[in-house]
């Protein structure tokens, strides 16, 4: 009996030893994995810190325009800082604080209502406070960079390359085709029916101005109904439905005109982009000032209350200036420059004209050359690969020149004419190592609008602090608008832009968040060049296949089936 007990005890001891050994092995593997991840993270952090130090030294020595702004006493108002955190400030308070002479009135009301707002503030502290857009008098990134001699030399090199390319086009047209074209054929075909676009543009501005008086009417009637809360709610809800219907009708008319008048691509893009810009401007004005009316904010020029108790509404001149200012965020006042630099404005306008001719030459010498006979010529996988990779370099040039022409040259030109002080239309997106940074810095004008009027409302009122869901919905809205402009501009249903932007772009945001800076920047540029080349190639194939193939549209599926597929199958 004792021997059996000893045997059982030994078996339990061996089992305990085996378990301890198994646990020890697991802990050692866990420890080695943790130490490996820690060393990798530590090396990446050290590399990032050293790179930041080197960049800071470079700014201090060469890029003084960037470095001096960082040494100001008020760090929150640094030149390249786009937003400022407002600690527990309500939207209506920010509205009044942005207005001239409105700070004293806002402080009085804040003091009076402090005790009533304390429970709500305690509740809001659990949710992250989103910063507000700030406007500061500053130059664009490239304008500041081009003050450095090294960067100015690079600009001269690219200018000479552009001139040599245009000379090549002139000599080719003259000696091969016997006439100098300079891409004028593209302008003649692309700008057909431009007078219709101009007429529609003028009518759209009549609608936009009518919205200003309609908004004033809503605010005044709402004030008169303040003693009848049910009627006041009914009036506000009815006006909201009418406003949303008018916005949808505004967008529908612009898109239907492209189909009705059979507008070519350039004219259609002008109409669609202008309609989209005006839609965003109208929503910005209504969204910003509706908070004032709902909160009952009042002000006069000396900061007191209006005698008749009416809510403050900005004068018409503020609204008209906002319609043409190069920003989509409404404020009553903006930083203004003292004078117009006519040489600077003329230089930016000449850059727009030069790049437009450059685009026309790329269309005639590359896009039409590669895909002009698509749908008529035999096609195989090898031919498609050759055409797509032949368009990689021209597509990269289209991407870079489009950024420079619109976001730098054109917006700086309009800002200079209007003496608009805040020229930060983009940031240093070319240094981005994640797609988060790229999307934030590529087009600051549109990103600010999406952040202020879509993301913040979704985050605050709809999804109640869910950052991921709000961001995904913003991506979907942006991708749909991009696809709408391209689809109706080319008059085809081919949602490549939506798939690249709304699906692959969102996936890359999450996949590249932990990438090291150098490798991440290389991946961003590689995917941008490859994706842009494939996208332009696919749209060109679909456009010319639809033109060259004799296709019948008898069923609804014929309109959504790609013309490439129907031509070659």
Protein backbone atom coordinates (compact mmCIF):
# COMPACT_ATOMS: atom_id res chain seq x y z
CA UNK A 1 0.00 0.00 0.00
CA UNK A 2 2.83 2.36 0.86
CA UNK A 3 4.56 1.49 -2.38
CA UNK A 4 1.44 2.35 -4.38
CA UNK A 5 1.15 5.68 -2.58
CA UNK A 6 4.79 6.40 -3.37
CA UNK A 7 4.17 5.58 -7.04
CA UNK A 8 1.14 7.89 -7.21
CA UNK A 9 3.09 10.68 -5.51
CA UNK A 10 5.96 10.28 -7.98
CA UNK A 11 3.54 10.38 -10.92
CA UNK A 12 1.97 13.59 -9.56
CA UNK A 13 5.42 15.02 -9.03
CA UNK A 14 6.44 14.20 -12.59
CA UNK A 15 3.20 15.70 -13.92
CA UNK A 16 3.80 18.85 -11.87
CA UNK A 17 7.35 19.07 -13.18
CA UNK A 18 6.11 18.65 -16.74
CA UNK A 19 3.53 21.41 -16.24
CA UNK A 20 6.13 23.71 -14.73
CA UNK A 21 8.47 23.00 -17.63
CA UNK A 22 5.67 23.69 -20.13
CA UNK A 23 4.79 26.90 -18.33
CA UNK A 24 8.47 27.91 -18.23
CA UNK A 25 8.82 27.32 -21.97
CA UNK A 26 5.72 29.38 -22.71
CA UNK A 27 6.92 32.23 -20.51
CA UNK A 28 10.35 32.17 -22.15
CA UNK A 29 8.76 32.33 -25.62
CA UNK A 30 6.48 35.14 -24.46
CA UNK A 31 9.45 36.99 -22.96
CA UNK A 32 11.54 36.59 -26.12
CA UNK A 33 8.65 37.77 -28.27
CA UNK A 34 8.02 40.79 -26.03
CA UNK A 35 11.72 41.69 -26.00
CA UNK A 36 11.90 41.32 -29.80
CA UNK A 37 8.90 43.58 -30.32
CA UNK A 38 10.28 46.05 -27.77
CA UNK A 39 13.69 46.19 -29.45
CA UNK A 40 12.08 46.65 -32.87
CA UNK A 41 9.80 49.43 -31.58
CA UNK A 42 12.71 51.06 -29.74
CA UNK A 43 14.90 51.03 -32.84
CA UNK A 44 12.09 52.56 -34.90
CA UNK A 45 11.50 55.25 -32.28
CA UNK A 46 15.22 56.06 -32.12
CA UNK A 47 15.33 56.27 -35.92
CA UNK A 48 12.32 58.62 -35.94
CA UNK A 49 13.85 60.83 -33.24
CA UNK A 50 17.17 61.05 -35.07
CA UNK A 51 15.39 61.89 -38.32
CA UNK A 52 13.39 64.61 -36.56
CA UNK A 53 16.60 66.03 -35.11
CA UNK A 54 18.23 66.09 -38.53
CA UNK A 55 15.16 67.78 -40.03
CA UNK A 56 15.16 70.35 -37.23
CA UNK A 57 18.82 71.14 -37.92
CA UNK A 58 18.04 71.49 -41.62
CA UNK A 59 15.14 73.84 -40.87
CA UNK A 60 17.30 75.95 -38.58
CA UNK A 61 20.03 76.30 -41.22
CA UNK A 62 18.23 76.36 -44.57
CA UNK A 63 14.45 76.40 -44.09
CA UNK A 64 14.28 79.39 -41.75
CA UNK A 65 10.77 80.22 -42.94
CA UNK A 66 9.55 77.04 -41.24
CA UNK A 67 11.73 77.26 -38.17
CA UNK A 68 11.02 80.83 -37.06
CA UNK A 69 7.32 80.19 -36.70
CA UNK A 70 8.04 77.42 -34.22
CA UNK A 71 9.82 79.74 -31.85
CA UNK A 72 6.88 81.98 -31.10
CA UNK A 73 5.61 82.33 -27.58
CA UNK A 74 2.19 81.06 -28.47
CA UNK A 75 2.87 77.59 -29.78
CA UNK A 76 -0.80 76.94 -30.60
CA UNK A 77 -0.74 79.69 -33.21
CA UNK A 78 2.32 78.37 -35.04
CA UNK A 79 2.40 79.03 -38.75
CA UNK A 80 1.84 75.46 -39.89
CA UNK A 81 -0.64 74.44 -37.21
CA UNK A 82 -4.09 74.04 -38.71
CA UNK A 83 -6.36 73.56 -35.69
CA UNK A 84 -6.55 74.69 -32.10
CA UNK A 85 -8.02 72.81 -29.17
CA UNK A 86 -10.93 74.61 -27.50
CA UNK A 87 -11.32 73.25 -23.99
CA UNK A 88 -14.99 72.43 -23.35
CA UNK A 89 -16.23 75.25 -25.60
CA UNK A 90 -19.59 74.92 -27.23
CA UNK A 91 -20.04 75.46 -30.93
CA UNK A 92 -22.10 78.59 -30.45
CA UNK A 93 -19.43 80.17 -28.21
CA UNK A 94 -16.83 79.53 -30.87
CA UNK A 95 -19.10 81.16 -33.43
CA UNK A 96 -19.38 84.36 -31.41
CA UNK A 97 -15.72 84.38 -30.51
CA UNK A 98 -14.81 84.31 -34.20
CA UNK A 99 -16.87 87.46 -34.83
CA UNK A 100 -15.49 90.96 -34.28
CA UNK A 101 -16.40 92.44 -30.87
CA UNK A 102 -18.23 89.25 -29.92
CA UNK A 103 -15.87 88.04 -27.18
CA UNK A 104 -17.29 90.15 -24.34
CA UNK A 105 -20.85 89.03 -25.03
CA UNK A 106 -19.75 85.40 -25.21
CA UNK A 107 -17.94 85.70 -21.85
CA UNK A 108 -21.01 87.22 -20.19
CA UNK A 109 -23.29 84.45 -21.41
CA UNK A 110 -20.73 81.79 -20.51
CA UNK A 111 -20.53 83.10 -16.94
CA UNK A 112 -24.30 83.27 -16.60
CA UNK A 113 -24.82 79.72 -17.83
CA UNK A 114 -21.77 78.13 -16.20
CA UNK A 115 -23.69 76.34 -13.48
CA UNK A 116 -26.27 75.01 -15.94
CA UNK A 117 -23.59 73.62 -18.26
CA UNK A 118 -21.52 71.86 -15.58
CA UNK A 119 -23.40 68.52 -15.74
CA UNK A 120 -23.20 68.49 -19.53
CA UNK A 121 -19.49 69.35 -19.41
CA UNK A 122 -18.82 66.48 -17.02
CA UNK A 123 -20.61 64.19 -19.46
CA UNK A 124 -18.66 65.56 -22.44
CA UNK A 125 -15.30 65.09 -20.71
CA UNK A 126 -15.59 61.35 -21.34
CA UNK A 127 -15.58 62.11 -25.08
CA UNK A 128 -12.54 63.47 -26.88
CA UNK A 129 -12.83 67.19 -27.61
CA UNK A 130 -12.25 67.90 -31.29
CA UNK A 131 -10.11 70.93 -32.16
CA UNK A 132 -11.36 73.86 -34.22
CA UNK A 133 -10.09 75.23 -37.51
CA UNK A 134 -7.95 78.35 -37.11
CA UNK A 135 -7.11 80.87 -39.82
CA UNK A 136 -3.66 82.45 -39.72
CA UNK A 137 -1.92 84.71 -42.21
CA UNK A 138 0.67 82.40 -43.79
CA UNK A 139 2.12 81.41 -47.13
CA UNK A 140 1.75 78.04 -48.84
CA UNK A 141 4.35 75.39 -48.19
CA UNK A 142 5.89 75.58 -51.63
CA UNK A 143 5.93 79.38 -51.56
CA UNK A 144 7.94 79.24 -48.35
CA UNK A 145 10.17 76.43 -49.61
CA UNK A 146 10.96 78.29 -52.83
CA UNK A 147 12.52 81.08 -50.77
CA UNK A 148 15.41 78.66 -50.17
CA UNK A 149 18.01 78.79 -52.93
CA UNK A 150 18.31 75.00 -53.24
CA UNK A 151 14.57 74.52 -53.69
CA UNK A 152 14.38 77.46 -56.08
CA UNK A 153 17.05 75.78 -58.22
CA UNK A 154 14.98 72.59 -58.35
CA UNK A 155 11.99 74.70 -59.42
CA UNK A 156 14.10 76.21 -62.23
CA UNK A 157 15.14 72.72 -63.35
CA UNK A 158 11.54 71.54 -63.59
CA UNK A 159 10.59 74.73 -65.42
CA UNK A 160 13.29 74.10 -68.02
CA UNK A 161 12.13 70.49 -68.39
CA UNK A 162 8.59 71.75 -69.04
CA UNK A 163 9.89 74.25 -71.62
CA UNK A 164 11.94 71.54 -73.37
CA UNK A 165 8.90 69.25 -73.46
CA UNK A 166 6.80 71.99 -75.06
CA UNK A 167 9.58 72.67 -77.59
CA UNK A 168 9.62 68.97 -78.43
CA UNK A 169 5.87 69.12 -79.06
CA UNK A 170 6.28 72.20 -81.30
CA UNK A 171 9.07 70.65 -83.39
CA UNK A 172 7.21 67.33 -83.71
CA UNK A 173 4.03 69.09 -84.85
CA UNK A 174 5.88 71.27 -87.34
CA UNK A 175 8.27 68.75 -88.93
CA UNK A 176 6.11 65.59 -88.73
CA UNK A 177 2.53 66.83 -89.04
CA UNK A 178 3.32 70.02 -90.93
CA UNK A 179 1.54 72.39 -88.52
CA UNK A 180 1.97 73.65 -84.97
CA UNK A 181 -0.85 72.38 -82.78
CA UNK A 182 0.35 72.74 -79.15
CA UNK A 183 -2.61 70.73 -77.94
CA UNK A 184 -5.15 73.25 -79.26
CA UNK A 185 -7.22 70.40 -80.67
CA UNK A 186 -7.78 69.14 -77.13
CA UNK A 187 -8.92 72.59 -76.03
CA UNK A 188 -11.27 72.92 -79.00
CA UNK A 189 -12.97 69.60 -78.36
CA UNK A 190 -12.82 69.74 -74.56
CA UNK A 191 -14.24 73.26 -74.21
CA UNK A 192 -17.20 72.84 -76.57
CA UNK A 193 -20.50 74.21 -75.26
CA UNK A 194 -18.64 76.23 -72.65
CA UNK A 195 -21.24 78.98 -73.06
CA UNK A 196 -23.85 76.57 -71.69
CA UNK A 197 -21.62 75.94 -68.70
CA UNK A 198 -21.23 79.68 -68.14
CA UNK A 199 -25.00 80.18 -68.26
CA UNK A 200 -25.59 77.34 -65.81
CA UNK A 201 -22.88 78.75 -63.54
CA UNK A 202 -24.57 82.15 -63.44
CA UNK A 203 -27.96 80.59 -62.66
CA UNK A 204 -26.38 78.56 -59.88
CA UNK A 205 -25.09 81.75 -58.28
CA UNK A 206 -28.61 83.20 -58.40
CA UNK A 207 -29.75 80.13 -56.45
CA UNK A 208 -26.87 80.53 -54.00
CA UNK A 209 -27.73 84.18 -53.35
CA UNK A 210 -31.39 83.24 -52.90
CA UNK A 211 -30.31 80.83 -50.16
CA UNK A 212 -28.89 83.76 -48.18
CA UNK A 213 -32.25 85.55 -48.04
CA UNK A 214 -34.11 82.28 -47.44
CA UNK A 215 -31.89 81.61 -44.43
CA UNK A 216 -32.58 85.09 -43.08
CA UNK A 217 -36.30 84.51 -43.52
CA UNK A 218 -36.09 81.24 -41.59
CA UNK A 219 -34.21 82.91 -38.74
CA UNK A 220 -36.63 85.85 -38.44
CA UNK A 221 -39.77 83.69 -38.56
CA UNK A 222 -38.24 81.34 -36.01
CA UNK A 223 -37.63 84.29 -33.71
CA UNK A 224 -41.26 85.44 -33.97
CA UNK A 225 -42.43 81.91 -33.11
CA UNK A 226 -40.27 81.61 -29.98
CA UNK A 227 -43.35 81.77 -27.74
CA UNK A 228 -44.94 78.88 -29.66
CA UNK A 229 -42.43 76.06 -29.34
CA UNK A 230 -44.43 73.50 -31.30
CA UNK A 231 -44.92 75.86 -34.24
CA UNK A 232 -41.28 76.86 -34.04
CA UNK A 233 -40.16 73.22 -34.28
CA UNK A 234 -42.57 72.58 -37.15
CA UNK A 235 -41.24 75.63 -39.00
CA UNK A 236 -37.60 74.62 -38.47
CA UNK A 237 -38.18 71.00 -39.50
CA UNK A 238 -40.10 72.06 -42.60
CA UNK A 239 -37.31 74.45 -43.62
CA UNK A 240 -34.74 71.72 -42.99
CA UNK A 241 -36.57 69.33 -45.31
CA UNK A 242 -36.91 72.07 -47.91
CA UNK A 243 -33.21 72.91 -47.62
CA UNK A 244 -32.14 69.28 -48.06
CA UNK A 245 -34.46 68.89 -51.06
CA UNK A 246 -33.04 72.06 -52.62
CA UNK A 247 -29.49 70.75 -52.13
CA UNK A 248 -30.32 67.44 -53.81
CA UNK A 249 -32.09 69.24 -56.65
CA UNK A 250 -29.08 71.55 -57.08
CA UNK A 251 -26.75 68.57 -57.46
CA UNK A 252 -29.17 66.68 -59.70
CA UNK A 253 -29.58 69.57 -62.14
CA UNK A 254 -25.84 70.02 -62.62
CA UNK A 255 -25.31 66.32 -63.33
CA UNK A 256 -28.32 66.05 -65.63
CA UNK A 257 -27.12 69.05 -67.65
CA UNK A 258 -23.92 67.17 -68.45
CA UNK A 259 -25.97 64.40 -70.03
CA UNK A 260 -28.58 66.64 -71.66
CA UNK A 261 -26.06 68.94 -73.38
CA UNK A 262 -23.57 66.09 -74.04
CA UNK A 263 -20.79 68.18 -72.53
CA UNK A 264 -17.22 67.13 -73.28
CA UNK A 265 -14.97 66.10 -70.42
CA UNK A 266 -13.35 69.47 -69.61
CA UNK A 267 -16.59 71.46 -69.77
CA UNK A 268 -18.43 68.81 -67.74
CA UNK A 269 -15.70 68.81 -65.07
CA UNK A 270 -15.84 72.60 -64.81
CA UNK A 271 -19.62 72.50 -64.25
CA UNK A 272 -19.53 69.55 -61.84
CA UNK A 273 -16.63 70.86 -59.77
CA UNK A 274 -18.14 74.33 -59.54
CA UNK A 275 -21.52 72.86 -58.53
CA UNK A 276 -19.84 70.73 -55.88
CA UNK A 277 -17.90 73.74 -54.59
CA UNK A 278 -21.06 75.84 -54.32
CA UNK A 279 -22.90 73.02 -52.55
CA UNK A 280 -20.12 72.79 -49.99
CA UNK A 281 -20.07 76.57 -49.57
CA UNK A 282 -23.82 76.75 -49.00
CA UNK A 283 -23.74 73.98 -46.42
CA UNK A 284 -20.81 75.61 -44.62
CA UNK A 285 -22.69 78.91 -44.35
CA UNK A 286 -25.93 77.31 -43.18
CA UNK A 287 -24.24 74.94 -40.73
CA UNK A 288 -22.11 77.67 -39.18
CA UNK A 289 -24.85 80.27 -38.78
CA UNK A 290 -27.65 77.88 -37.84
CA UNK A 291 -25.88 77.29 -34.51
CA UNK A 292 -26.03 81.02 -33.83
CA UNK A 293 -29.75 81.17 -34.52
CA UNK A 294 -30.57 78.05 -32.51
CA UNK A 295 -28.54 79.24 -29.54
CA UNK A 296 -30.01 82.75 -29.85
CA UNK A 297 -26.62 84.45 -30.07
CA UNK A 298 -26.81 88.20 -30.63
CA UNK A 299 -24.16 90.84 -31.12
CA UNK A 300 -23.64 94.35 -32.41
CA UNK A 301 -20.49 96.09 -33.53
CA UNK A 302 -19.76 97.22 -29.97
CA UNK A 303 -20.35 93.77 -28.51
CA UNK A 304 -23.78 94.47 -27.01
CA UNK A 305 -27.13 92.90 -27.70
CA UNK A 306 -29.37 94.03 -30.52
CA UNK A 307 -32.24 96.17 -29.36
CA UNK A 308 -34.92 94.25 -31.19
CA UNK A 309 -33.59 90.94 -29.89
CA UNK A 310 -32.93 89.50 -33.33
CA UNK A 311 -30.15 86.89 -33.69
CA UNK A 312 -27.03 88.05 -35.43
CA UNK A 313 -26.82 87.23 -39.14
CA UNK A 314 -23.76 88.20 -41.17
CA UNK A 315 -24.17 90.89 -43.84
CA UNK A 316 -24.34 90.02 -47.51
CA UNK A 317 -20.77 91.18 -48.19
CA UNK A 318 -19.40 88.48 -45.86
CA UNK A 319 -21.40 85.83 -47.71
CA UNK A 320 -20.33 87.04 -51.17
CA UNK A 321 -16.67 87.21 -50.16
CA UNK A 322 -16.91 83.66 -48.79
CA UNK A 323 -18.38 82.40 -52.09
CA UNK A 324 -15.22 83.39 -53.97
CA UNK A 325 -12.61 82.99 -51.22
CA UNK A 326 -10.31 79.94 -51.59
CA UNK A 327 -11.71 78.19 -48.52
CA UNK A 328 -14.72 76.01 -47.73
CA UNK A 329 -14.89 76.95 -44.03
CA UNK A 330 -17.17 79.90 -43.29
CA UNK A 331 -16.10 82.73 -41.02
CA UNK A 332 -17.30 86.32 -40.88
CA UNK A 333 -13.74 87.58 -41.25
CA UNK A 334 -10.47 86.09 -42.46
CA UNK A 335 -6.84 87.22 -42.22
CA UNK A 336 -6.20 89.64 -45.07
CA UNK A 337 -3.01 90.83 -46.73
CA UNK A 338 -2.27 94.53 -47.03
CA UNK A 339 -1.91 94.67 -50.80
CA UNK A 340 -2.08 92.57 -53.98
CA UNK A 341 1.26 91.34 -55.30
CA UNK A 342 0.48 91.57 -59.00
CA UNK A 343 3.74 89.92 -60.11
CA UNK A 344 3.08 86.98 -57.83
CA UNK A 345 -0.49 86.65 -59.10
CA UNK A 346 0.59 86.86 -62.74
CA UNK A 347 3.28 84.21 -62.18
CA UNK A 348 0.70 81.82 -60.68
CA UNK A 349 -1.70 82.45 -63.60
CA UNK A 350 1.07 81.75 -66.14
CA UNK A 351 1.80 78.47 -64.33
CA UNK A 352 -1.86 77.46 -64.69
CA UNK A 353 -1.81 78.23 -68.43
CA UNK A 354 1.50 76.41 -68.98
CA UNK A 355 0.34 73.27 -67.16
CA UNK A 356 -2.97 73.33 -69.06
CA UNK A 357 -1.05 73.22 -72.37
CA UNK A 358 1.17 70.52 -70.89
CA UNK A 359 -1.92 68.46 -70.04
CA UNK A 360 -3.25 68.88 -73.58
CA UNK A 361 0.06 67.63 -74.98
CA UNK A 362 0.05 64.60 -72.68
CA UNK A 363 -3.48 63.79 -73.84
CA UNK A 364 -2.55 63.93 -77.51
CA UNK A 365 0.90 62.33 -77.32
CA UNK A 366 0.24 59.64 -74.71
CA UNK A 367 -3.38 58.96 -73.75
CA UNK A 368 -4.85 59.18 -77.25
CA UNK A 369 -1.77 57.51 -78.72
CA UNK A 370 -2.06 54.50 -76.40
CA UNK A 371 -5.84 54.12 -76.18
CA UNK A 372 -7.30 56.04 -79.15
CA UNK A 373 -7.96 52.83 -81.11
CA UNK A 374 -9.12 50.84 -78.11
CA UNK A 375 -12.13 48.77 -79.14
CA UNK A 376 -11.05 48.57 -82.79
CA UNK A 377 -7.63 46.93 -82.48
CA UNK A 378 -7.03 43.35 -81.33
CA UNK A 379 -6.22 43.12 -77.66
CA UNK A 380 -4.39 40.62 -75.50
CA UNK A 381 -2.83 40.56 -72.02
CA UNK A 382 0.59 41.59 -73.34
CA UNK A 383 -0.82 44.65 -75.13
CA UNK A 384 -2.71 45.72 -72.01
CA UNK A 385 0.39 45.41 -69.81
CA UNK A 386 2.48 47.42 -72.26
CA UNK A 387 -0.15 50.18 -72.48
CA UNK A 388 -0.70 50.39 -68.71
CA UNK A 389 2.99 50.52 -67.83
CA UNK A 390 3.59 52.96 -70.67
CA UNK A 391 1.17 55.31 -68.91
CA UNK A 392 2.84 55.07 -65.47
CA UNK A 393 5.22 57.99 -65.95
CA UNK A 394 2.70 60.29 -67.71
CA UNK A 395 0.15 59.47 -64.99
CA UNK A 396 2.63 60.41 -62.27
CA UNK A 397 3.27 63.71 -64.09
CA UNK A 398 -0.51 64.27 -64.32
CA UNK A 399 -0.82 63.70 -60.56
CA UNK A 400 1.98 66.09 -59.60
CA UNK A 401 1.09 68.78 -62.14
CA UNK A 402 -2.59 68.60 -61.16
CA UNK A 403 -1.67 69.17 -57.54
CA UNK A 404 0.59 72.08 -58.41
CA UNK A 405 -1.83 73.69 -60.86
CA UNK A 406 -4.98 73.56 -58.70
CA UNK A 407 -3.88 73.49 -55.07
CA UNK A 408 -0.89 75.80 -55.43
CA UNK A 409 -1.05 78.00 -58.52
CA UNK A 410 -4.81 78.53 -58.95
CA UNK A 411 -5.69 78.87 -55.26
CA UNK A 412 -2.75 81.20 -54.64
CA UNK A 413 -3.82 83.26 -57.67
CA UNK A 414 -7.37 83.69 -56.38
CA UNK A 415 -6.14 84.25 -52.81
CA UNK A 416 -3.81 87.01 -54.00
CA UNK A 417 -6.57 88.79 -55.91
CA UNK A 418 -8.89 88.61 -52.88
CA UNK A 419 -6.06 89.40 -50.41
CA UNK A 420 -6.91 86.17 -48.58
CA UNK A 421 -4.21 85.70 -45.95
CA UNK A 422 -4.32 82.00 -45.06
CA UNK A 423 -2.62 80.20 -47.94
CA UNK A 424 -2.29 76.75 -46.33
CA UNK A 425 -4.19 74.89 -49.05
CA UNK A 426 -2.03 71.80 -48.55
CA UNK A 427 0.71 70.57 -46.26
CA UNK A 428 3.87 68.55 -46.85
CA UNK A 429 2.00 65.49 -48.13
CA UNK A 430 5.05 64.36 -50.10
CA UNK A 431 6.76 63.39 -46.81
CA UNK A 432 3.82 61.27 -45.61
CA UNK A 433 4.70 57.74 -44.52
CA UNK A 434 1.09 56.71 -43.87
CA UNK A 435 -2.10 57.22 -45.82
CA UNK A 436 -3.56 58.93 -42.76
CA UNK A 437 -1.06 61.74 -43.21
CA UNK A 438 -1.43 61.75 -46.99
CA UNK A 439 -5.22 62.20 -46.91
CA UNK A 440 -4.95 64.94 -44.26
CA UNK A 441 -2.21 66.90 -46.01
CA UNK A 442 -2.92 66.42 -49.73
CA UNK A 443 -5.95 68.74 -49.98
CA UNK A 444 -6.36 70.73 -46.77
CA UNK A 445 -9.23 72.79 -48.24
CA UNK A 446 -11.53 69.81 -48.79
CA UNK A 447 -10.24 67.91 -45.76
CA UNK A 448 -11.12 70.84 -43.49
CA UNK A 449 -14.68 70.90 -44.85
CA UNK A 450 -15.11 67.16 -44.36
CA UNK A 451 -13.68 67.43 -40.85
CA UNK A 452 -15.69 70.47 -39.75
CA UNK A 453 -19.10 69.72 -41.24
CA UNK A 454 -19.23 65.95 -41.72
CA UNK A 455 -16.82 64.18 -39.38
CA UNK A 456 -17.44 66.37 -36.34
CA UNK A 457 -21.23 66.13 -36.64
CA UNK A 458 -21.09 62.37 -37.15
CA UNK A 459 -18.65 61.96 -34.26
CA UNK A 460 -20.62 64.20 -31.89
CA UNK A 461 -24.28 63.60 -32.72
CA UNK A 462 -24.68 60.41 -34.75
CA UNK A 463 -22.09 57.84 -33.65
CA UNK A 464 -21.44 59.39 -30.21
CA UNK A 465 -17.65 59.28 -30.09
CA UNK A 466 -17.01 56.43 -32.54
CA UNK A 467 -14.00 57.71 -34.45
CA UNK A 468 -13.59 54.72 -36.78
CA UNK A 469 -17.20 54.60 -38.00
CA UNK A 470 -17.31 58.36 -38.55
CA UNK A 471 -14.04 58.23 -40.51
CA UNK A 472 -15.23 55.36 -42.69
CA UNK A 473 -18.43 57.19 -43.56
CA UNK A 474 -16.43 60.31 -44.46
CA UNK A 475 -14.28 58.20 -46.78
CA UNK A 476 -17.36 56.76 -48.46
CA UNK A 477 -18.90 60.20 -49.02
CA UNK A 478 -15.67 61.58 -50.45
CA UNK A 479 -15.20 58.57 -52.72
CA UNK A 480 -18.78 58.85 -54.01
CA UNK A 481 -18.36 62.55 -54.85
CA UNK A 482 -15.07 61.87 -56.66
CA UNK A 483 -16.70 59.06 -58.62
CA UNK A 484 -19.72 61.23 -59.43
CA UNK A 485 -17.51 63.94 -60.96
CA UNK A 486 -15.49 61.47 -63.04
CA UNK A 487 -18.47 59.32 -64.00
CA UNK A 488 -20.69 62.15 -65.24
CA UNK A 489 -17.71 64.00 -66.71
CA UNK A 490 -16.83 60.99 -68.87
CA UNK A 491 -20.51 59.94 -69.13
CA UNK A 492 -19.92 56.35 -68.15
CA UNK A 493 -20.47 54.04 -65.19
CA UNK A 494 -17.09 52.65 -64.26
CA UNK A 495 -16.52 52.97 -60.48
CA UNK A 496 -12.74 52.51 -60.48
CA UNK A 497 -12.15 55.70 -58.48
CA UNK A 498 -14.61 54.55 -55.81
CA UNK A 499 -12.89 51.18 -55.49
CA UNK A 500 -9.41 52.68 -55.37
CA UNK A 501 -10.31 55.48 -52.98
CA UNK A 502 -13.14 54.05 -50.90
CA UNK A 503 -11.89 50.44 -50.61
CA UNK A 504 -8.15 50.11 -51.31
CA UNK A 505 -7.39 53.55 -49.90
CA UNK A 506 -9.20 52.78 -46.64
CA UNK A 507 -7.42 49.42 -46.38
CA UNK A 508 -4.02 51.10 -46.83
CA UNK A 509 -4.86 53.54 -44.03
CA UNK A 510 -5.01 50.67 -41.55
CA UNK A 511 -2.22 48.57 -43.10
CA UNK A 512 0.42 51.31 -43.10
CA UNK A 513 -0.17 52.91 -39.70
CA UNK A 514 2.79 51.15 -38.05
CA UNK A 515 5.17 51.42 -41.02
CA UNK A 516 8.59 53.06 -40.42
CA UNK A 517 8.99 56.51 -41.90
CA UNK A 518 11.39 55.72 -44.73
CA UNK A 519 9.73 52.48 -45.81
CA UNK A 520 6.28 54.01 -45.37
CA UNK A 521 7.10 57.02 -47.56
CA UNK A 522 8.45 54.70 -50.27
CA UNK A 523 5.29 52.59 -50.11
CA UNK A 524 3.06 55.68 -50.29
CA UNK A 525 4.80 56.94 -53.42
CA UNK A 526 4.90 53.47 -55.00
CA UNK A 527 1.18 52.88 -54.48
CA UNK A 528 0.30 56.40 -55.62
CA UNK A 529 2.21 56.06 -58.89
CA UNK A 530 1.02 52.52 -59.61
CA UNK A 531 -2.59 53.20 -58.59
CA UNK A 532 -2.83 56.47 -60.50
CA UNK A 533 -1.36 54.87 -63.63
CA UNK A 534 -3.78 51.94 -63.50
CA UNK A 535 -6.76 54.21 -62.80
CA UNK A 536 -6.06 56.62 -65.68
CA UNK A 537 -5.41 53.67 -68.01
CA UNK A 538 -8.67 51.94 -67.09
CA UNK A 539 -10.75 55.10 -67.50
CA UNK A 540 -9.08 55.78 -70.87
CA UNK A 541 -9.78 52.22 -72.03
CA UNK A 542 -13.43 52.46 -71.01
CA UNK A 543 -13.89 55.90 -72.57
CA UNK A 544 -12.45 54.98 -75.98
CA UNK A 545 -14.05 51.53 -75.97
CA UNK A 546 -17.44 53.17 -75.52
CA UNK A 547 -16.72 55.59 -78.38
CA UNK A 548 -15.22 53.10 -80.83
CA UNK A 549 -17.48 50.09 -80.31
CA UNK A 550 -20.97 49.99 -81.76
CA UNK A 551 -22.79 49.05 -78.57
CA UNK A 552 -26.53 48.76 -78.06
CA UNK A 553 -28.24 49.82 -74.84
CA UNK A 554 -31.49 47.87 -74.64
CA UNK A 555 -31.51 46.73 -71.01
CA UNK A 556 -30.52 48.48 -67.80
CA UNK A 557 -27.63 46.06 -67.38
CA UNK A 558 -26.09 47.39 -70.60
CA UNK A 559 -25.51 50.74 -68.89
CA UNK A 560 -23.58 49.29 -65.94
CA UNK A 561 -21.63 46.62 -67.82
CA UNK A 562 -18.15 47.96 -68.75
CA UNK A 563 -17.75 48.74 -72.44
CA UNK A 564 -14.34 47.00 -72.35
CA UNK A 565 -16.03 43.73 -71.50
CA UNK A 566 -18.77 44.12 -74.10
CA UNK A 567 -16.30 45.05 -76.85
CA UNK A 568 -13.97 42.11 -76.46
CA UNK A 569 -16.43 39.45 -75.28
